[in-house]
């Protein structure tokens, strides 16, 4: 869980959605400095560095990685 100063409050989550093999996946992401944290109810969460790309693109890539990891675990 990312840390933030108590005076700043919890970062506001934004939605991101992707489609993989006809299935839609949705997550919430928050920006915390140089990284985004992507959270889903079914696939878990991950944190990735934003780098030179826009935060939403970083969040979409992270969600795609969560989807692929889940597919490998379940053999789908």
N, C-alpha and C. Protein backbone atom coordinates (compact mmCIF):
# COMPACT_ATOMS: atom_id res chain seq x y z
N UNK A 1 0.84 -1.17 0.00
CA UNK A 1 0.00 0.00 0.00
C UNK A 1 0.89 1.23 0.00
N UNK A 2 0.65 2.16 -0.94
CA UNK A 2 1.49 3.35 -0.99
C UNK A 2 1.28 4.23 0.24
N UNK A 3 2.35 4.91 0.61
CA UNK A 3 2.27 5.84 1.73
C UNK A 3 2.09 7.25 1.21
N UNK A 4 1.40 8.05 1.97
CA UNK A 4 1.19 9.44 1.62
C UNK A 4 1.10 10.25 2.90
N UNK A 5 1.38 11.52 2.78
CA UNK A 5 1.33 12.37 3.96
C UNK A 5 -0.11 12.50 4.42
N UNK A 6 -0.33 12.43 5.74
CA UNK A 6 -1.69 12.49 6.27
C UNK A 6 -2.39 13.78 5.89
N UNK A 7 -1.66 14.87 5.71
CA UNK A 7 -2.28 16.14 5.34
C UNK A 7 -2.75 16.14 3.89
N UNK A 8 -2.21 15.23 3.06
CA UNK A 8 -2.62 15.16 1.66
C UNK A 8 -3.87 14.31 1.47
N UNK A 9 -4.13 13.40 2.36
CA UNK A 9 -5.26 12.49 2.21
C UNK A 9 -4.93 11.39 1.22
N UNK A 10 -5.80 10.43 1.13
CA UNK A 10 -5.60 9.29 0.22
C UNK A 10 -5.69 9.77 -1.22
N UNK A 11 -4.79 9.29 -2.10
CA UNK A 11 -4.85 9.69 -3.51
C UNK A 11 -6.18 9.26 -4.14
N UNK A 12 -6.68 10.06 -5.07
CA UNK A 12 -7.95 9.78 -5.73
C UNK A 12 -7.73 8.74 -6.82
N UNK A 13 -8.57 7.70 -6.82
CA UNK A 13 -8.46 6.64 -7.82
C UNK A 13 -9.12 7.02 -9.12
N UNK A 14 -8.55 6.54 -10.21
CA UNK A 14 -9.09 6.76 -11.55
C UNK A 14 -9.31 5.40 -12.18
N UNK A 15 -10.30 5.30 -13.04
CA UNK A 15 -10.62 4.03 -13.68
C UNK A 15 -9.81 3.83 -14.95
N UNK A 16 -9.49 2.58 -15.20
CA UNK A 16 -8.83 2.19 -16.45
C UNK A 16 -9.48 0.88 -16.90
N UNK A 17 -9.64 0.74 -18.21
CA UNK A 17 -10.31 -0.44 -18.74
C UNK A 17 -9.57 -0.92 -19.98
N UNK A 18 -9.44 -2.25 -20.11
CA UNK A 18 -8.82 -2.84 -21.29
C UNK A 18 -9.68 -4.01 -21.76
N UNK A 19 -9.42 -4.46 -22.98
CA UNK A 19 -10.07 -5.64 -23.52
C UNK A 19 -9.00 -6.62 -23.97
N UNK A 20 -9.13 -7.87 -23.54
CA UNK A 20 -8.19 -8.93 -23.92
C UNK A 20 -9.02 -10.13 -24.36
N UNK A 21 -8.82 -10.57 -25.58
CA UNK A 21 -9.54 -11.74 -26.13
C UNK A 21 -11.04 -11.62 -25.93
N UNK A 22 -11.59 -10.43 -26.15
CA UNK A 22 -13.03 -10.22 -26.04
C UNK A 22 -13.55 -10.02 -24.63
N UNK A 23 -12.69 -10.14 -23.64
CA UNK A 23 -13.08 -9.95 -22.23
C UNK A 23 -12.67 -8.54 -21.79
N UNK A 24 -13.53 -7.89 -21.04
CA UNK A 24 -13.24 -6.55 -20.53
C UNK A 24 -12.74 -6.65 -19.09
N UNK A 25 -11.71 -5.89 -18.78
CA UNK A 25 -11.14 -5.85 -17.44
C UNK A 25 -11.06 -4.39 -17.01
N UNK A 26 -11.42 -4.15 -15.76
CA UNK A 26 -11.42 -2.79 -15.24
C UNK A 26 -10.69 -2.75 -13.91
N UNK A 27 -10.00 -1.65 -13.68
CA UNK A 27 -9.25 -1.47 -12.43
C UNK A 27 -9.29 0.00 -12.05
N UNK A 28 -8.81 0.25 -10.86
CA UNK A 28 -8.63 1.62 -10.38
C UNK A 28 -7.14 1.83 -10.20
N UNK A 29 -6.68 3.02 -10.60
CA UNK A 29 -5.27 3.31 -10.39
C UNK A 29 -5.10 4.65 -9.69
N UNK A 30 -4.04 4.74 -8.93
CA UNK A 30 -3.68 5.99 -8.26
C UNK A 30 -2.25 6.33 -8.64
N UNK A 31 -2.00 7.62 -8.71
CA UNK A 31 -0.66 8.11 -9.02
C UNK A 31 0.00 8.50 -7.71
N UNK A 32 1.18 7.97 -7.49
CA UNK A 32 1.92 8.27 -6.27
C UNK A 32 3.36 8.58 -6.66
N UNK A 33 3.63 9.86 -6.93
CA UNK A 33 4.97 10.26 -7.35
C UNK A 33 5.29 9.67 -8.70
N UNK A 34 6.41 8.94 -8.82
CA UNK A 34 6.84 8.41 -10.12
C UNK A 34 6.20 7.07 -10.47
N UNK A 35 5.19 6.64 -9.72
CA UNK A 35 4.60 5.31 -9.94
C UNK A 35 3.08 5.37 -9.93
N UNK A 36 2.47 4.35 -10.52
CA UNK A 36 1.03 4.16 -10.41
C UNK A 36 0.80 2.83 -9.72
N UNK A 37 -0.26 2.78 -8.93
CA UNK A 37 -0.69 1.54 -8.29
C UNK A 37 -2.03 1.18 -8.91
N UNK A 38 -2.11 -0.03 -9.45
CA UNK A 38 -3.33 -0.52 -10.09
C UNK A 38 -3.94 -1.59 -9.19
N UNK A 39 -5.24 -1.45 -8.92
CA UNK A 39 -5.93 -2.40 -8.02
C UNK A 39 -7.19 -2.92 -8.67
N UNK A 40 -7.39 -4.24 -8.57
CA UNK A 40 -8.61 -4.88 -9.03
C UNK A 40 -9.11 -5.81 -7.93
N UNK A 41 -10.40 -6.09 -7.95
CA UNK A 41 -10.95 -7.00 -6.94
C UNK A 41 -10.53 -8.44 -7.18
N UNK A 42 -10.53 -8.86 -8.45
CA UNK A 42 -10.27 -10.27 -8.75
C UNK A 42 -8.82 -10.59 -9.07
N UNK A 43 -8.07 -9.62 -9.60
CA UNK A 43 -6.72 -9.91 -10.06
C UNK A 43 -5.64 -9.42 -9.12
N UNK A 44 -5.99 -8.67 -8.10
CA UNK A 44 -5.00 -8.17 -7.16
C UNK A 44 -4.52 -6.78 -7.52
N UNK A 45 -3.31 -6.47 -7.14
CA UNK A 45 -2.78 -5.13 -7.40
C UNK A 45 -1.31 -5.21 -7.76
N UNK A 46 -0.83 -4.13 -8.36
CA UNK A 46 0.58 -4.02 -8.72
C UNK A 46 0.94 -2.55 -8.77
N UNK A 47 2.22 -2.29 -8.66
CA UNK A 47 2.74 -0.92 -8.71
C UNK A 47 3.84 -0.88 -9.75
N UNK A 48 3.77 0.09 -10.66
CA UNK A 48 4.76 0.22 -11.73
C UNK A 48 5.21 1.67 -11.84
N UNK A 49 6.43 1.84 -12.32
CA UNK A 49 6.95 3.18 -12.57
C UNK A 49 6.30 3.75 -13.83
N UNK A 50 6.02 5.03 -13.80
CA UNK A 50 5.38 5.68 -14.94
C UNK A 50 6.37 5.87 -16.08
N UNK A 51 7.57 6.32 -15.76
CA UNK A 51 8.57 6.57 -16.80
C UNK A 51 8.18 7.76 -17.66
N UNK A 52 8.41 7.66 -18.96
CA UNK A 52 8.13 8.75 -19.89
C UNK A 52 6.71 8.71 -20.45
N UNK A 53 5.95 7.69 -20.12
CA UNK A 53 4.61 7.55 -20.68
C UNK A 53 3.57 8.24 -19.80
N UNK A 54 2.40 8.54 -20.33
CA UNK A 54 1.33 9.10 -19.50
C UNK A 54 0.89 8.08 -18.44
N UNK A 55 0.46 8.54 -17.27
CA UNK A 55 0.05 7.62 -16.19
C UNK A 55 -1.03 6.62 -16.61
N UNK A 56 -1.98 7.04 -17.44
CA UNK A 56 -3.04 6.11 -17.84
C UNK A 56 -2.47 4.96 -18.68
N UNK A 57 -1.49 5.25 -19.51
CA UNK A 57 -0.87 4.20 -20.31
C UNK A 57 -0.12 3.22 -19.40
N UNK A 58 0.60 3.75 -18.43
CA UNK A 58 1.30 2.89 -17.47
C UNK A 58 0.29 2.01 -16.73
N UNK A 59 -0.86 2.57 -16.38
CA UNK A 59 -1.89 1.81 -15.67
C UNK A 59 -2.47 0.72 -16.57
N UNK A 60 -2.69 1.03 -17.84
CA UNK A 60 -3.21 0.02 -18.78
C UNK A 60 -2.22 -1.13 -18.95
N UNK A 61 -0.94 -0.80 -19.07
CA UNK A 61 0.09 -1.84 -19.20
C UNK A 61 0.13 -2.71 -17.95
N UNK A 62 0.05 -2.07 -16.77
CA UNK A 62 0.06 -2.83 -15.52
C UNK A 62 -1.16 -3.74 -15.41
N UNK A 63 -2.32 -3.25 -15.82
CA UNK A 63 -3.52 -4.08 -15.80
C UNK A 63 -3.37 -5.25 -16.77
N UNK A 64 -2.81 -5.01 -17.94
CA UNK A 64 -2.58 -6.08 -18.89
C UNK A 64 -1.65 -7.14 -18.30
N UNK A 65 -0.62 -6.71 -17.58
CA UNK A 65 0.28 -7.66 -16.93
C UNK A 65 -0.45 -8.49 -15.87
N UNK A 66 -1.36 -7.86 -15.11
CA UNK A 66 -2.15 -8.61 -14.13
C UNK A 66 -3.03 -9.65 -14.82
N UNK A 67 -3.64 -9.27 -15.94
CA UNK A 67 -4.50 -10.20 -16.69
C UNK A 67 -3.67 -11.38 -17.19
N UNK A 68 -2.51 -11.10 -17.79
CA UNK A 68 -1.67 -12.19 -18.31
C UNK A 68 -1.17 -13.09 -17.20
N UNK A 69 -0.82 -12.52 -16.06
CA UNK A 69 -0.38 -13.34 -14.92
C UNK A 69 -1.51 -14.27 -14.46
N UNK A 70 -2.73 -13.73 -14.43
CA UNK A 70 -3.87 -14.54 -14.03
C UNK A 70 -4.13 -15.67 -15.04
N UNK A 71 -3.97 -15.37 -16.31
CA UNK A 71 -4.16 -16.40 -17.36
C UNK A 71 -3.12 -17.50 -17.23
N UNK A 72 -1.88 -17.14 -16.91
CA UNK A 72 -0.84 -18.16 -16.73
C UNK A 72 -1.15 -19.05 -15.53
N UNK A 73 -1.65 -18.43 -14.44
CA UNK A 73 -1.96 -19.22 -13.23
C UNK A 73 -3.10 -20.19 -13.49
N UNK A 74 -4.10 -19.75 -14.25
CA UNK A 74 -5.28 -20.59 -14.46
C UNK A 74 -5.18 -21.45 -15.70
N UNK A 75 -4.15 -21.20 -16.52
CA UNK A 75 -3.98 -21.97 -17.73
C UNK A 75 -4.94 -21.57 -18.84
N UNK A 76 -5.50 -20.38 -18.75
CA UNK A 76 -6.45 -19.90 -19.79
C UNK A 76 -5.73 -19.36 -20.97
